[in-house]
Amino acid sequence: RTLDHVATPDPKWNGEHPDPGTSKAPWKVYNI
């Protein structure tokens, strides 16, 4: 399911309240 879901930057990502699963970079982590 994740193969064709290419990571994109998270436009809501904020260094003041970072989400460790996303980033300003095109990067993502999924727990399976």
PDB file of all heavy atoms in Angstrom:
ATOM      1  N   ARG A   1       0.815  -1.223   0.000  1.00  0.00           N
ATOM      2  CA  ARG A   1       0.000   0.000   0.000  1.00  0.00           C
ATOM      3  C   ARG A   1       0.847   1.271   0.000  1.00  0.00           C
ATOM      4  O   ARG A   1       0.419   2.297  -0.511  1.00  0.00           O
ATOM      5  CB  ARG A   1      -0.921   0.020   1.211  1.00  0.00           C
ATOM      6  CG  ARG A   1      -1.944  -1.066   1.257  1.00  0.00           C
ATOM      7  CD  ARG A   1      -3.201  -0.710   0.482  1.00  0.00           C
ATOM      8  NE  ARG A   1      -4.216  -1.708   0.683  1.00  0.00           N
ATOM      9  CZ  ARG A   1      -5.366  -1.492   1.295  1.00  0.00           C
ATOM     10  NH1 ARG A   1      -5.656  -0.308   1.777  1.00  0.00           N
ATOM     11  NH2 ARG A   1      -6.224  -2.465   1.413  1.00  0.00           N
ATOM     12  N   THR A   2       2.027   1.206   0.604  1.00  0.00           N
ATOM     13  CA  THR A   2       2.854   2.417   0.672  1.00  0.00           C
ATOM     14  C   THR A   2       3.766   2.584  -0.539  1.00  0.00           C
ATOM     15  O   THR A   2       4.336   3.662  -0.726  1.00  0.00           O
ATOM     16  CB  THR A   2       3.721   2.427   1.950  1.00  0.00           C
ATOM     17  OG1 THR A   2       4.575   1.289   1.957  1.00  0.00           O
ATOM     18  CG2 THR A   2       2.855   2.460   3.195  1.00  0.00           C
ATOM     19  N   LEU A   3       3.912   1.549  -1.368  1.00  0.00           N
ATOM     20  CA  LEU A   3       4.850   1.606  -2.501  1.00  0.00           C
ATOM     21  C   LEU A   3       4.622   2.803  -3.414  1.00  0.00           C
ATOM     22  O   LEU A   3       5.580   3.454  -3.847  1.00  0.00           O
ATOM     23  CB  LEU A   3       4.758   0.325  -3.339  1.00  0.00           C
ATOM     24  CG  LEU A   3       5.481  -0.882  -2.797  1.00  0.00           C
ATOM     25  CD1 LEU A   3       5.197  -2.102  -3.674  1.00  0.00           C
ATOM     26  CD2 LEU A   3       6.973  -0.643  -2.696  1.00  0.00           C
ATOM     27  N   ASP A   4       3.393   3.060  -3.763  1.00  0.00           N
ATOM     28  CA  ASP A   4       3.091   4.135  -4.713  1.00  0.00           C
ATOM     29  C   ASP A   4       2.728   5.450  -4.038  1.00  0.00           C
ATOM     30  O   ASP A   4       2.277   6.388  -4.694  1.00  0.00           O
ATOM     31  CB  ASP A   4       1.955   3.703  -5.647  1.00  0.00           C
ATOM     32  CG  ASP A   4       2.370   2.567  -6.558  1.00  0.00           C
ATOM     33  OD1 ASP A   4       3.559   2.506  -6.931  1.00  0.00           O
ATOM     34  OD2 ASP A   4       1.512   1.720  -6.877  1.00  0.00           O
ATOM     35  N   HIS A   5       2.922   5.509  -2.735  1.00  0.00           N
ATOM     36  CA  HIS A   5       2.620   6.738  -1.997  1.00  0.00           C
ATOM     37  C   HIS A   5       3.946   7.452  -1.697  1.00  0.00           C
ATOM     38  O   HIS A   5       4.559   7.243  -0.651  1.00  0.00           O
ATOM     39  CB  HIS A   5       1.865   6.410  -0.700  1.00  0.00           C
ATOM     40  CG  HIS A   5       1.318   7.608  -0.025  1.00  0.00           C
ATOM     41  ND1 HIS A   5       0.158   8.225  -0.417  1.00  0.00           N
ATOM     42  CD2 HIS A   5       1.792   8.330   1.011  1.00  0.00           C
ATOM     43  CE1 HIS A   5      -0.059   9.261   0.353  1.00  0.00           C
ATOM     44  NE2 HIS A   5       0.918   9.344   1.231  1.00  0.00           N
ATOM     45  N   VAL A   6       4.377   8.262  -2.643  1.00  0.00           N
ATOM     46  CA  VAL A   6       5.680   8.931  -2.540  1.00  0.00           C
ATOM     47  C   VAL A   6       5.626  10.019  -1.471  1.00  0.00           C
ATOM     48  O   VAL A   6       4.680  10.811  -1.422  1.00  0.00           O
ATOM     49  CB  VAL A   6       6.093   9.530  -3.906  1.00  0.00           C
ATOM     50  CG1 VAL A   6       7.418  10.257  -3.810  1.00  0.00           C
ATOM     51  CG2 VAL A   6       6.153   8.428  -4.956  1.00  0.00           C
ATOM     52  N   ALA A   7       6.627  10.042  -0.621  1.00  0.00           N
ATOM     53  CA  ALA A   7       6.689  11.038   0.452  1.00  0.00           C
ATOM     54  C   ALA A   7       6.769  12.442  -0.120  1.00  0.00           C
ATOM     55  O   ALA A   7       7.461  12.690  -1.119  1.00  0.00           O
ATOM     56  CB  ALA A   7       7.905  10.763   1.342  1.00  0.00           C
ATOM     57  N   THR A   8       6.066  13.343   0.508  1.00  0.00           N
ATOM     58  CA  THR A   8       6.087  14.757   0.127  1.00  0.00           C
ATOM     59  C   THR A   8       6.369  15.583   1.378  1.00  0.00           C
ATOM     60  O   THR A   8       6.134  15.127   2.498  1.00  0.00           O
ATOM     61  CB  THR A   8       4.738  15.194  -0.486  1.00  0.00           C
ATOM     62  OG1 THR A   8       3.698  14.936   0.467  1.00  0.00           O
ATOM     63  CG2 THR A   8       4.441  14.441  -1.779  1.00  0.00           C
ATOM     64  N   PRO A   9       6.852  16.801   1.192  1.00  0.00           N
ATOM     65  CA  PRO A   9       7.052  17.662   2.365  1.00  0.00           C
ATOM     66  C   PRO A   9       5.715  17.928   3.062  1.00  0.00           C
ATOM     67  O   PRO A   9       4.670  17.995   2.422  1.00  0.00           O
ATOM     68  CB  PRO A   9       7.612  18.951   1.769  1.00  0.00           C
ATOM     69  CG  PRO A   9       8.123  18.585   0.419  1.00  0.00           C
ATOM     70  CD  PRO A   9       7.278  17.438  -0.057  1.00  0.00           C
ATOM     71  N   ASP A  10       5.761  18.067   4.356  1.00  0.00           N
ATOM     72  CA  ASP A  10       4.569  18.396   5.129  1.00  0.00           C
ATOM     73  C   ASP A  10       4.512  19.914   5.272  1.00  0.00           C
ATOM     74  O   ASP A  10       5.314  20.503   6.010  1.00  0.00           O
ATOM     75  CB  ASP A  10       4.631  17.733   6.503  1.00  0.00           C
ATOM     76  CG  ASP A  10       3.405  18.019   7.356  1.00  0.00           C
ATOM     77  OD1 ASP A  10       2.528  18.802   6.925  1.00  0.00           O
ATOM     78  OD2 ASP A  10       3.325  17.457   8.458  1.00  0.00           O
ATOM     79  N   PRO A  11       3.582  20.578   4.577  1.00  0.00           N
ATOM     80  CA  PRO A  11       3.530  22.040   4.630  1.00  0.00           C
ATOM     81  C   PRO A  11       3.181  22.581   6.021  1.00  0.00           C
ATOM     82  O   PRO A  11       3.460  23.738   6.324  1.00  0.00           O
ATOM     83  CB  PRO A  11       2.446  22.407   3.620  1.00  0.00           C
ATOM     84  CG  PRO A  11       1.620  21.182   3.455  1.00  0.00           C
ATOM     85  CD  PRO A  11       2.522  20.017   3.751  1.00  0.00           C
ATOM     86  N   LYS A  12       2.605  21.736   6.879  1.00  0.00           N
ATOM     87  CA  LYS A  12       2.242  22.165   8.231  1.00  0.00           C
ATOM     88  C   LYS A  12       3.356  21.920   9.244  1.00  0.00           C
ATOM     89  O   LYS A  12       3.206  22.271  10.411  1.00  0.00           O
ATOM     90  CB  LYS A  12       0.975  21.436   8.686  1.00  0.00           C
ATOM     91  CG  LYS A  12      -0.254  21.737   7.829  1.00  0.00           C
ATOM     92  CD  LYS A  12      -1.450  20.969   8.306  1.00  0.00           C
ATOM     93  CE  LYS A  12      -1.312  19.568   7.782  1.00  0.00           C
ATOM     94  NZ  LYS A  12      -2.361  18.650   7.995  1.00  0.00           N
ATOM     95  N   TRP A  13       4.472  21.324   8.799  1.00  0.00           N
ATOM     96  CA  TRP A  13       5.546  20.996   9.730  1.00  0.00           C
ATOM     97  C   TRP A  13       6.080  22.276  10.352  1.00  0.00           C
ATOM     98  O   TRP A  13       6.291  23.280   9.688  1.00  0.00           O
ATOM     99  CB  TRP A  13       6.665  20.237   9.032  1.00  0.00           C
ATOM    100  CG  TRP A  13       7.616  19.615  10.001  1.00  0.00           C
ATOM    101  CD1 TRP A  13       7.504  18.376  10.545  1.00  0.00           C
ATOM    102  CD2 TRP A  13       8.798  20.187  10.557  1.00  0.00           C
ATOM    103  NE1 TRP A  13       8.535  18.136  11.406  1.00  0.00           N
ATOM    104  CE2 TRP A  13       9.360  19.231  11.437  1.00  0.00           C
ATOM    105  CE3 TRP A  13       9.442  21.408  10.407  1.00  0.00           C
ATOM    106  CZ2 TRP A  13      10.517  19.462  12.153  1.00  0.00           C
ATOM    107  CZ3 TRP A  13      10.607  21.632  11.117  1.00  0.00           C
ATOM    108  CH2 TRP A  13      11.134  20.668  11.979  1.00  0.00           C
ATOM    109  N   ASN A  14       6.305  22.239  11.662  1.00  0.00           N
ATOM    110  CA  ASN A  14       6.725  23.425  12.393  1.00  0.00           C
ATOM    111  C   ASN A  14       7.821  23.027  13.378  1.00  0.00           C
ATOM    112  O   ASN A  14       7.625  22.123  14.186  1.00  0.00           O
ATOM    113  CB  ASN A  14       5.499  23.996  13.130  1.00  0.00           C
ATOM    114  CG  ASN A  14       5.802  25.208  13.961  1.00  0.00           C
ATOM    115  OD1 ASN A  14       6.899  25.377  14.477  1.00  0.00           O
ATOM    116  ND2 ASN A  14       4.800  26.048  14.116  1.00  0.00           N
ATOM    117  N   GLY A  15       8.950  23.698  13.306  1.00  0.00           N
ATOM    118  CA  GLY A  15      10.063  23.419  14.202  1.00  0.00           C
ATOM    119  C   GLY A  15       9.757  23.686  15.659  1.00  0.00           C
ATOM    120  O   GLY A  15      10.394  23.124  16.548  1.00  0.00           O
ATOM    121  N   GLU A  16       8.789  24.552  15.928  1.00  0.00           N
ATOM    122  CA  GLU A  16       8.385  24.833  17.310  1.00  0.00           C
ATOM    123  C   GLU A  16       7.666  23.628  17.934  1.00  0.00           C
ATOM    124  O   GLU A  16       7.767  23.384  19.118  1.00  0.00           O
ATOM    125  CB  GLU A  16       7.449  26.052  17.340  1.00  0.00           C
ATOM    126  CG  GLU A  16       8.071  27.320  16.805  1.00  0.00           C
ATOM    127  CD  GLU A  16       8.910  28.018  17.850  1.00  0.00           C
ATOM    128  OE1 GLU A  16       8.535  27.987  19.030  1.00  0.00           O
ATOM    129  OE2 GLU A  16       9.942  28.590  17.458  1.00  0.00           O
ATOM    130  N   HIS A  17       6.901  22.900  17.108  1.00  0.00           N
ATOM    131  CA  HIS A  17       6.148  21.718  17.546  1.00  0.00           C
ATOM    132  C   HIS A  17       6.344  20.620  16.506  1.00  0.00           C
ATOM    133  O   HIS A  17       5.414  20.286  15.769  1.00  0.00           O
ATOM    134  CB  HIS A  17       4.662  22.046  17.700  1.00  0.00           C
ATOM    135  CG  HIS A  17       4.405  23.211  18.611  1.00  0.00           C
ATOM    136  ND1 HIS A  17       4.495  23.104  19.977  1.00  0.00           N
ATOM    137  CD2 HIS A  17       4.094  24.496  18.345  1.00  0.00           C
ATOM    138  CE1 HIS A  17       4.237  24.287  20.517  1.00  0.00           C
ATOM    139  NE2 HIS A  17       3.990  25.153  19.546  1.00  0.00           N
ATOM    140  N   PRO A  18       7.552  20.074  16.427  1.00  0.00           N
ATOM    141  CA  PRO A  18       7.847  19.121  15.359  1.00  0.00           C
ATOM    142  C   PRO A  18       7.099  17.799  15.494  1.00  0.00           C
ATOM    143  O   PRO A  18       6.864  17.322  16.601  1.00  0.00           O
ATOM    144  CB  PRO A  18       9.350  18.901  15.481  1.00  0.00           C
ATOM    145  CG  PRO A  18       9.670  19.218  16.894  1.00  0.00           C
ATOM    146  CD  PRO A  18       8.689  20.280  17.318  1.00  0.00           C
ATOM    147  N   ASP A  19       6.713  17.247  14.354  1.00  0.00           N
ATOM    148  CA  ASP A  19       6.139  15.911  14.273  1.00  0.00           C
ATOM    149  C   ASP A  19       7.260  15.010  13.774  1.00  0.00           C
ATOM    150  O   ASP A  19       7.705  15.162  12.637  1.00  0.00           O
ATOM    151  CB  ASP A  19       4.966  15.910  13.292  1.00  0.00           C
ATOM    152  CG  ASP A  19       4.425  14.509  13.015  1.00  0.00           C
ATOM    153  OD1 ASP A  19       4.938  13.527  13.583  1.00  0.00           O
ATOM    154  OD2 ASP A  19       3.487  14.405  12.205  1.00  0.00           O
ATOM    155  N   PRO A  20       7.751  14.073  14.595  1.00  0.00           N
ATOM    156  CA  PRO A  20       8.895  13.256  14.184  1.00  0.00           C
ATOM    157  C   PRO A  20       8.593  12.315  13.022  1.00  0.00           C
ATOM    158  O   PRO A  20       9.504  11.752  12.441  1.00  0.00           O
ATOM    159  CB  PRO A  20       9.252  12.473  15.445  1.00  0.00           C
ATOM    160  CG  PRO A  20       8.023  12.478  16.273  1.00  0.00           C
ATOM    161  CD  PRO A  20       7.288  13.745  15.937  1.00  0.00           C
ATOM    162  N   GLY A  21       7.327  12.177  12.642  1.00  0.00           N
ATOM    163  CA  GLY A  21       6.968  11.305  11.522  1.00  0.00           C
ATOM    164  C   GLY A  21       6.907  12.014  10.193  1.00  0.00           C
ATOM    165  O   GLY A  21       6.700  11.384   9.164  1.00  0.00           O
ATOM    166  N   THR A  22       7.060  13.354  10.189  1.00  0.00           N
ATOM    167  CA  THR A  22       7.024  14.110   8.935  1.00  0.00           C
ATOM    168  C   THR A  22       8.139  15.149   8.976  1.00  0.00           C
ATOM    169  O   THR A  22       8.894  15.240   9.929  1.00  0.00           O
ATOM    170  CB  THR A  22       5.670  14.812   8.726  1.00  0.00           C
ATOM    171  OG1 THR A  22       5.510  15.817   9.722  1.00  0.00           O
ATOM    172  CG2 THR A  22       4.507  13.847   8.765  1.00  0.00           C
ATOM    173  N   SER A  23       8.187  15.969   7.920  1.00  0.00           N
ATOM    174  CA  SER A  23       9.283  16.931   7.828  1.00  0.00           C
ATOM    175  C   SER A  23       8.966  17.960   6.746  1.00  0.00           C
ATOM    176  O   SER A  23       8.051  17.788   5.946  1.00  0.00           O
ATOM    177  CB  SER A  23      10.569  16.184   7.466  1.00  0.00           C
ATOM    178  OG  SER A  23      11.612  17.065   7.163  1.00  0.00           O
ATOM    179  N   LYS A  24       9.782  19.006   6.696  1.00  0.00           N
ATOM    180  CA  LYS A  24       9.739  19.939   5.561  1.00  0.00           C
ATOM    181  C   LYS A  24      10.310  19.263   4.316  1.00  0.00           C
ATOM    182  O   LYS A  24      10.051  19.667   3.212  1.00  0.00           O
ATOM    183  CB  LYS A  24      10.576  21.178   5.861  1.00  0.00           C
ATOM    184  CG  LYS A  24       9.940  22.157   6.792  1.00  0.00           C
ATOM    185  CD  LYS A  24      10.836  23.381   6.875  1.00  0.00           C
ATOM    186  CE  LYS A  24      10.345  24.375   7.866  1.00  0.00           C
ATOM    187  NZ  LYS A  24      11.210  25.551   7.920  1.00  0.00           N
ATOM    188  N   ALA A  25      11.118  18.245   4.532  1.00  0.00           N
ATOM    189  CA  ALA A  25      11.697  17.468   3.437  1.00  0.00           C
ATOM    190  C   ALA A  25      10.675  16.425   2.963  1.00  0.00           C
ATOM    191  O   ALA A  25       9.753  16.083   3.699  1.00  0.00           O
ATOM    192  CB  ALA A  25      12.973  16.778   3.910  1.00  0.00           C
ATOM    193  N   PRO A  26      10.854  15.866   1.753  1.00  0.00           N
ATOM    194  CA  PRO A  26       9.945  14.808   1.282  1.00  0.00           C
ATOM    195  C   PRO A  26      10.274  13.472   1.956  1.00  0.00           C
ATOM    196  O   PRO A  26      10.906  12.596   1.369  1.00  0.00           O
ATOM    197  CB  PRO A  26      10.197  14.776  -0.225  1.00  0.00           C
ATOM    198  CG  PRO A  26      11.596  15.251  -0.390  1.00  0.00           C
ATOM    199  CD  PRO A  26      11.827  16.240   0.722  1.00  0.00           C
ATOM    200  N   TRP A  27       9.855  13.333   3.188  1.00  0.00           N
ATOM    201  CA  TRP A  27      10.237  12.205   4.034  1.00  0.00           C
ATOM    202  C   TRP A  27       9.058  11.800   4.896  1.00  0.00           C
ATOM    203  O   TRP A  27       8.294  12.646   5.351  1.00  0.00           O
ATOM    204  CB  TRP A  27      11.407  12.659   4.912  1.00  0.00           C
ATOM    205  CG  TRP A  27      11.918  11.671   5.887  1.00  0.00           C
ATOM    206  CD1 TRP A  27      12.792  10.662   5.632  1.00  0.00           C
ATOM    207  CD2 TRP A  27      11.622  11.614   7.276  1.00  0.00           C
ATOM    208  NE1 TRP A  27      13.061   9.979   6.788  1.00  0.00           N
ATOM    209  CE2 TRP A  27      12.348  10.549   7.814  1.00  0.00           C
ATOM    210  CE3 TRP A  27      10.810  12.361   8.120  1.00  0.00           C
ATOM    211  CZ2 TRP A  27      12.295  10.196   9.149  1.00  0.00           C
ATOM    212  CZ3 TRP A  27      10.754  12.009   9.453  1.00  0.00           C
ATOM    213  CH2 TRP A  27      11.500  10.940   9.953  1.00  0.00           C
ATOM    214  N   LYS A  28       8.886  10.504   5.109  1.00  0.00           N
ATOM    215  CA  LYS A  28       7.763  10.017   5.907  1.00  0.00           C
ATOM    216  C   LYS A  28       8.138   8.695   6.556  1.00  0.00           C
ATOM    217  O   LYS A  28       8.914   7.920   5.997  1.00  0.00           O
ATOM    218  CB  LYS A  28       6.543   9.815   5.001  1.00  0.00           C
ATOM    219  CG  LYS A  28       5.276   9.444   5.705  1.00  0.00           C
ATOM    220  CD  LYS A  28       4.702  10.585   6.489  1.00  0.00           C
ATOM    221  CE  LYS A  28       3.390  10.180   7.137  1.00  0.00           C
ATOM    222  NZ  LYS A  28       2.802  11.209   7.911  1.00  0.00           N
ATOM    223  N   VAL A  29       7.580   8.429   7.722  1.00  0.00           N
ATOM    224  CA  VAL A  29       7.737   7.155   8.392  1.00  0.00           C
ATOM    225  C   VAL A  29       6.351   6.601   8.695  1.00  0.00           C
ATOM    226  O   VAL A  29       5.488   7.325   9.196  1.00  0.00           O
ATOM    227  CB  VAL A  29       8.538   7.297   9.714  1.00  0.00           C
ATOM    228  CG1 VAL A  29       8.568   5.977  10.468  1.00  0.00           C
ATOM    229  CG2 VAL A  29       9.941   7.781   9.443  1.00  0.00           C
ATOM    230  N   TYR A  30       6.151   5.319   8.370  1.00  0.00           N
ATOM    231  CA  TYR A  30       4.891   4.643   8.683  1.00  0.00           C
ATOM    232  C   TYR A  30       5.160   3.479   9.627  1.00  0.00           C
ATOM    233  O   TYR A  30       6.078   2.689   9.404  1.00  0.00           O
ATOM    234  CB  TYR A  30       4.215   4.085   7.424  1.00  0.00           C
ATOM    235  CG  TYR A  30       3.689   5.136   6.499  1.00  0.00           C
ATOM    236  CD1 TYR A  30       4.316   5.377   5.286  1.00  0.00           C
ATOM    237  CD2 TYR A  30       2.567   5.891   6.831  1.00  0.00           C
ATOM    238  CE1 TYR A  30       3.837   6.342   4.422  1.00  0.00           C
ATOM    239  CE2 TYR A  30       2.082   6.860   5.975  1.00  0.00           C
ATOM    240  CZ  TYR A  30       2.720   7.081   4.778  1.00  0.00           C
ATOM    241  OH  TYR A  30       2.244   8.044   3.923  1.00  0.00           O
ATOM    242  N   ASN A  31       4.345   3.382  10.653  1.00  0.00           N
ATOM    243  CA  ASN A  31       4.348   2.204  11.511  1.00  0.00           C
ATOM    244  C   ASN A  31       3.404   1.179  10.889  1.00  0.00           C
ATOM    245  O   ASN A  31       2.264   1.516  10.553  1.00  0.00           O
ATOM    246  CB  ASN A  31       3.831   2.546  12.910  1.00  0.00           C
ATOM    247  CG  ASN A  31       4.757   3.457  13.668  1.00  0.00           C
ATOM    248  OD1 ASN A  31       5.965   3.428  13.470  1.00  0.00           O
ATOM    249  ND2 ASN A  31       4.202   4.267  14.543  1.00  0.00           N
ATOM    250  N   ILE A  32       3.891  -0.037  10.721  1.00  0.00           N
ATOM    251  CA  ILE A  32       3.018  -1.118  10.268  1.00  0.00           C
ATOM    252  C   ILE A  32       2.968  -2.133  11.396  1.00  0.00           C
ATOM    253  O   ILE A  32       3.919  -2.864  11.652  1.00  0.00           O
ATOM    254  CB  ILE A  32       3.510  -1.748   8.952  1.00  0.00           C
ATOM    255  CG1 ILE A  32       3.639  -0.683   7.858  1.00  0.00           C
ATOM    256  CG2 ILE A  32       2.528  -2.854   8.513  1.00  0.00           C
ATOM    257  CD1 ILE A  32       4.165  -1.206   6.535  1.00  0.00           C
TER     258      ILE A  32
END
